[in-house]
Amino acid sequence: MSDKTAQLKAFERLLTIMDELREQCPWDKKQTMESLRHLTIEEVYELGDAILDDDLEEVKKELGDVLLHIVFYSKIGSETNDFDIVDVCHSICDKLVDRHPHIYGDVKVENEEEVKRNWEQLKLKEGKKSVLEGVPKSLPAVVKASRIQDKVAGVGFDWEKPEQVFEKVEEELAELKAEIAKGDLDAIESEFGDVMFSMINYARFLKVNPENALERTNKKFIKRFQYLESKAKERDKSLKDMTLSEMDVFWEEAKLL
């Protein structure tokens, strides 16, 4: 059996199971696109966790969960005669072909940056009024800022050198410091947002994903703090009763793990 045949049979099996569950399982029969939405978001975040943990076995499982949701939405769409899995597949295939004229047409590109610029220009030709229309409103703020900056850079609205971006970071930090001195909370929040936005932009020039970077720090902090908690418990102590210097000893130990 060829790889392609095996892939098609596996996908056919999933479609068959989905049909059976939708017909026979009380829980699956009740689901709607709206009821699945928050579950889908959760599954995507779980996939993101597995990727950051470099747990490929878990990545495989979470990809299956995400694929199930795609098939589930498509099944619901077919029941209302709006679309089915065939339409979904053809829709993305058509988009990929249309947006890769350097592969499926006669357009020439020299590098990845030209591909990204062409992508955004093609989206405007498809009828979008703004390159920012494709940024989901409900994205978390850090991810949204990163996507906004990627998209405007794709049409040439960008800094030329990383040094310029870092200068902007320093400028925004100075403005934040000035507002802190004044004590106006609303202005402080505004300037703090500007600092974060400029830092996220700088991350792009460093080729660092800011969301991944922050999540790595979150995980690192959690691991070290839980080590601190475990050491306190071993000594029958409450963290509230420990001095900062006592806690710092275990914190430094945790950093060596």
Protein backbone atom coordinates (compact mmCIF):
# COMPACT_ATOMS: atom_id res chain seq x y z
CA MET A 1 0.00 0.00 0.00
CA SER A 2 1.42 3.36 -1.02
CA ASP A 3 1.80 6.19 1.51
CA LYS A 4 -0.89 8.17 -0.33
CA THR A 5 -3.31 5.23 -0.24
CA ALA A 6 -2.68 4.70 3.47
CA GLN A 7 -3.28 8.40 4.12
CA LEU A 8 -6.57 8.35 2.24
CA LYS A 9 -7.74 5.19 4.03
CA ALA A 10 -6.89 6.69 7.43
CA PHE A 11 -8.80 9.87 6.58
CA GLU A 12 -11.74 7.83 5.26
CA ARG A 13 -11.78 5.90 8.57
CA LEU A 14 -12.01 9.18 10.50
CA LEU A 15 -14.86 10.42 8.31
CA THR A 16 -16.75 7.15 8.81
CA ILE A 17 -16.32 7.27 12.59
CA MET A 18 -17.49 10.89 12.60
CA ASP A 19 -20.64 9.90 10.68
CA GLU A 20 -21.32 7.09 13.16
CA LEU A 21 -20.77 9.28 16.22
CA ARG A 22 -23.00 12.03 14.86
CA GLU A 23 -25.77 9.49 14.32
CA GLN A 24 -25.41 7.36 17.45
CA CYS A 25 -23.65 9.23 20.29
CA PRO A 26 -25.94 11.46 22.43
CA TRP A 27 -23.11 13.94 23.14
CA ASP A 28 -21.89 14.19 19.55
CA LYS A 29 -25.44 14.55 18.23
CA LYS A 30 -26.01 17.63 20.42
CA GLN A 31 -22.93 19.58 19.37
CA THR A 32 -23.08 22.75 17.28
CA MET A 33 -20.37 24.97 15.86
CA GLU A 34 -20.90 27.33 18.78
CA SER A 35 -20.62 24.59 21.41
CA LEU A 36 -17.42 23.26 19.82
CA ARG A 37 -15.74 26.65 19.47
CA HIS A 38 -14.24 26.94 22.95
CA LEU A 39 -13.16 23.30 22.84
CA THR A 40 -11.36 23.90 19.55
CA ILE A 41 -9.49 26.87 21.01
CA GLU A 42 -8.47 24.69 23.97
CA GLU A 43 -7.23 21.93 21.65
CA VAL A 44 -5.09 24.39 19.68
CA TYR A 45 -3.51 25.67 22.89
CA GLU A 46 -2.81 22.08 23.98
CA LEU A 47 -1.09 21.51 20.64
CA GLY A 48 0.93 24.66 21.22
CA ASP A 49 2.01 23.37 24.65
CA ALA A 50 3.12 20.05 23.18
CA ILE A 51 5.16 21.83 20.50
CA LEU A 52 6.89 24.06 23.06
CA ASP A 53 7.60 21.00 25.23
CA ASP A 54 9.06 19.24 22.16
CA ASP A 55 6.86 16.25 23.03
CA LEU A 56 6.33 14.73 19.59
CA GLU A 57 4.15 11.90 20.86
CA GLU A 58 1.83 14.49 22.40
CA VAL A 59 2.01 16.63 19.23
CA LYS A 60 0.73 13.64 17.27
CA LYS A 61 -2.20 13.18 19.65
CA GLU A 62 -3.10 16.86 19.73
CA LEU A 63 -2.97 17.10 15.94
CA GLY A 64 -5.52 14.28 15.90
CA ASP A 65 -7.76 16.26 18.24
CA VAL A 66 -7.53 19.35 16.03
CA LEU A 67 -8.20 17.27 12.91
CA LEU A 68 -11.26 15.77 14.59
CA HIS A 69 -12.64 19.26 15.16
CA ILE A 70 -12.14 20.19 11.50
CA VAL A 71 -14.00 17.06 10.45
CA PHE A 72 -16.70 17.74 13.06
CA TYR A 73 -17.37 21.28 11.77
CA SER A 74 -17.44 19.95 8.21
CA LYS A 75 -19.97 17.28 9.19
CA ILE A 76 -22.23 19.90 10.78
CA GLY A 77 -21.86 22.08 7.68
CA SER A 78 -22.90 19.16 5.47
CA GLU A 79 -26.08 18.63 7.50
CA THR A 80 -27.24 22.16 6.69
CA ASN A 81 -26.06 21.84 3.06
CA ASP A 82 -23.70 24.81 3.51
CA PHE A 83 -20.41 22.95 2.96
CA ASP A 84 -18.75 19.60 3.57
CA ILE A 85 -15.22 18.27 3.96
CA VAL A 86 -14.78 18.23 0.17
CA ASP A 87 -15.57 21.94 -0.02
CA VAL A 88 -13.19 22.63 2.88
CA CYS A 89 -10.33 20.75 1.19
CA HIS A 90 -10.92 22.37 -2.20
CA SER A 91 -11.19 25.80 -0.59
CA ILE A 92 -7.73 25.61 0.96
CA CYS A 93 -6.26 23.95 -2.14
CA ASP A 94 -7.58 26.74 -4.37
CA LYS A 95 -6.23 29.38 -1.99
CA LEU A 96 -2.79 27.77 -1.89
CA VAL A 97 -2.59 27.56 -5.67
CA ASP A 98 -3.80 31.15 -6.14
CA ARG A 99 -1.36 32.53 -3.55
CA HIS A 100 1.67 30.64 -4.83
CA PRO A 101 2.01 31.95 -8.39
CA HIS A 102 5.77 31.38 -8.09
CA ILE A 103 4.97 27.65 -7.96
CA TYR A 104 1.79 27.36 -10.04
CA GLY A 105 2.30 30.36 -12.33
CA ASP A 106 5.05 32.35 -13.98
CA VAL A 107 5.95 34.71 -11.10
CA LYS A 108 9.61 34.69 -10.03
CA VAL A 109 10.70 35.22 -6.43
CA GLU A 110 14.16 35.42 -4.92
CA ASN A 111 13.48 34.67 -1.25
CA GLU A 112 10.98 34.15 1.57
CA GLU A 113 10.41 37.88 2.06
CA GLU A 114 9.24 38.30 -1.54
CA VAL A 115 6.85 35.39 -1.05
CA LYS A 116 5.35 37.11 2.03
CA ARG A 117 4.99 40.44 0.21
CA ASN A 118 3.30 38.75 -2.76
CA TRP A 119 0.96 36.93 -0.36
CA GLU A 120 -0.32 40.16 1.18
CA GLN A 121 -0.67 41.87 -2.21
CA LEU A 122 -2.67 38.91 -3.55
CA LYS A 123 -5.01 39.09 -0.55
CA LEU A 124 -5.72 42.75 -1.36
CA LYS A 125 -6.51 41.78 -4.96
CA GLU A 126 -9.01 39.24 -3.60
CA GLY A 127 -11.08 42.15 -2.32
CA LYS A 128 -9.73 42.76 1.17
CA LYS A 129 -9.72 46.48 1.96
CA SER A 130 -6.89 46.22 4.49
CA VAL A 131 -3.97 43.86 5.02
CA LEU A 132 -5.06 43.80 8.67
CA GLU A 133 -8.49 42.32 7.96
CA GLY A 134 -7.06 38.84 8.37
CA VAL A 135 -6.01 39.41 11.99
CA PRO A 136 -8.67 37.78 14.22
CA LYS A 137 -10.16 40.21 16.74
CA SER A 138 -10.15 37.58 19.49
CA LEU A 139 -6.43 36.76 19.28
CA PRO A 140 -4.47 37.21 22.52
CA ALA A 141 -2.82 40.63 22.52
CA VAL A 142 0.79 39.43 22.18
CA VAL A 143 -0.04 37.16 19.24
CA LYS A 144 -2.21 39.87 17.67
CA ALA A 145 0.59 42.46 17.89
CA SER A 146 3.00 40.02 16.25
CA ARG A 147 0.57 39.25 13.42
CA ILE A 148 -0.18 42.95 12.86
CA GLN A 149 3.52 43.71 12.51
CA ASP A 150 4.10 40.74 10.20
CA LYS A 151 1.29 41.83 7.93
CA VAL A 152 2.23 45.49 7.60
CA ALA A 153 5.86 44.49 7.02
CA GLY A 154 4.58 42.33 4.17
CA VAL A 155 3.55 45.47 2.26
CA GLY A 156 6.74 47.38 3.05
CA PHE A 157 5.73 49.27 6.20
CA ASP A 158 8.75 48.35 8.25
CA TRP A 159 12.05 49.41 9.76
CA GLU A 160 15.21 48.89 7.74
CA LYS A 161 17.56 47.77 10.52
CA PRO A 162 17.21 46.09 13.94
CA GLU A 163 19.14 48.97 15.50
CA GLN A 164 16.33 51.36 14.55
CA VAL A 165 13.79 49.15 16.29
CA PHE A 166 15.87 48.96 19.46
CA GLU A 167 16.14 52.75 19.45
CA LYS A 168 12.34 52.82 19.32
CA VAL A 169 12.22 50.46 22.32
CA GLU A 170 14.51 52.82 24.26
CA GLU A 171 12.40 55.81 23.22
CA GLU A 172 9.21 54.11 24.42
CA LEU A 173 10.87 53.13 27.72
CA ALA A 174 11.87 56.77 28.29
CA GLU A 175 8.28 57.88 27.63
CA LEU A 176 6.99 55.24 30.05
CA LYS A 177 9.44 56.41 32.71
CA ALA A 178 8.28 60.00 32.25
CA GLU A 179 4.61 59.02 32.68
CA ILE A 180 5.41 56.94 35.77
CA ALA A 181 7.00 60.05 37.29
CA LYS A 182 3.76 61.97 36.62
CA GLY A 183 1.62 59.22 38.16
CA ASP A 184 -1.16 59.24 35.54
CA LEU A 185 -2.29 55.59 35.47
CA ASP A 186 -4.09 55.86 32.12
CA ALA A 187 -1.02 57.39 30.46
CA ILE A 188 1.23 54.79 32.13
CA GLU A 189 -0.90 51.97 30.72
CA SER A 190 -0.79 53.53 27.26
CA GLU A 191 2.99 53.89 27.32
CA PHE A 192 3.42 50.41 28.78
CA GLY A 193 1.48 49.07 25.80
CA ASP A 194 3.77 51.00 23.45
CA VAL A 195 6.82 49.44 25.12
CA MET A 196 5.38 45.95 24.71
CA PHE A 197 4.42 46.61 21.08
CA SER A 198 7.92 47.85 20.26
CA MET A 199 9.52 44.88 22.08
CA ILE A 200 7.35 42.48 20.09
CA ASN A 201 8.45 44.26 16.92
CA TYR A 202 12.09 43.96 17.97
CA ALA A 203 11.59 40.24 18.57
CA ARG A 204 10.61 39.89 14.91
CA PHE A 205 13.92 41.41 13.84
CA LEU A 206 15.74 39.02 16.16
CA LYS A 207 13.74 36.17 14.59
CA VAL A 208 12.29 35.35 18.00
CA ASN A 209 8.63 34.41 18.41
CA PRO A 210 7.51 36.63 21.33
CA GLU A 211 4.63 34.34 22.34
CA ASN A 212 6.94 31.32 22.46
CA ALA A 213 9.61 33.30 24.30
CA LEU A 214 7.18 34.48 26.98
CA GLU A 215 5.66 31.02 27.36
CA ARG A 216 9.12 29.52 27.81
CA THR A 217 9.70 32.01 30.61
CA ASN A 218 6.29 31.14 32.12
CA LYS A 219 7.17 27.45 32.13
CA LYS A 220 10.61 28.15 33.58
CA PHE A 221 9.12 30.27 36.36
CA ILE A 222 6.47 27.66 37.18
CA LYS A 223 9.10 24.91 37.39
CA ARG A 224 11.34 26.95 39.70
CA PHE A 225 8.49 28.14 41.91
CA GLN A 226 7.14 24.60 42.29
CA TYR A 227 10.64 23.48 43.29
CA LEU A 228 10.62 26.22 45.93
CA GLU A 229 7.21 25.02 47.16
CA SER A 230 8.42 21.42 47.38
CA LYS A 231 11.51 22.41 49.40
CA ALA A 232 9.38 24.44 51.80
CA LYS A 233 7.02 21.48 52.22
CA GLU A 234 9.97 19.16 52.97
CA ARG A 235 10.80 21.45 55.88
CA ASP A 236 7.17 21.75 57.00
CA LYS A 237 7.28 25.46 56.29
CA SER A 238 4.81 27.80 54.66
CA LEU A 239 6.14 30.14 52.01
CA LYS A 240 4.39 32.96 53.85
CA ASP A 241 6.56 32.29 56.88
CA MET A 242 9.85 32.20 54.96
CA THR A 243 12.03 35.24 54.41
CA LEU A 244 12.98 36.31 50.89
CA SER A 245 16.58 35.33 51.57
CA GLU A 246 15.48 31.82 52.61
CA MET A 247 13.39 31.46 49.48
CA ASP A 248 16.21 32.81 47.32
CA VAL A 249 18.46 29.90 48.36
CA PHE A 250 16.03 27.39 46.87
CA TRP A 251 15.34 29.64 43.89
CA GLU A 252 19.04 29.63 43.01
CA GLU A 253 19.07 25.83 43.40
CA ALA A 254 16.12 25.57 41.03
CA LYS A 255 17.99 27.59 38.40
CA LEU A 256 20.68 24.90 38.33
CA LEU A 257 18.23 22.11 37.53
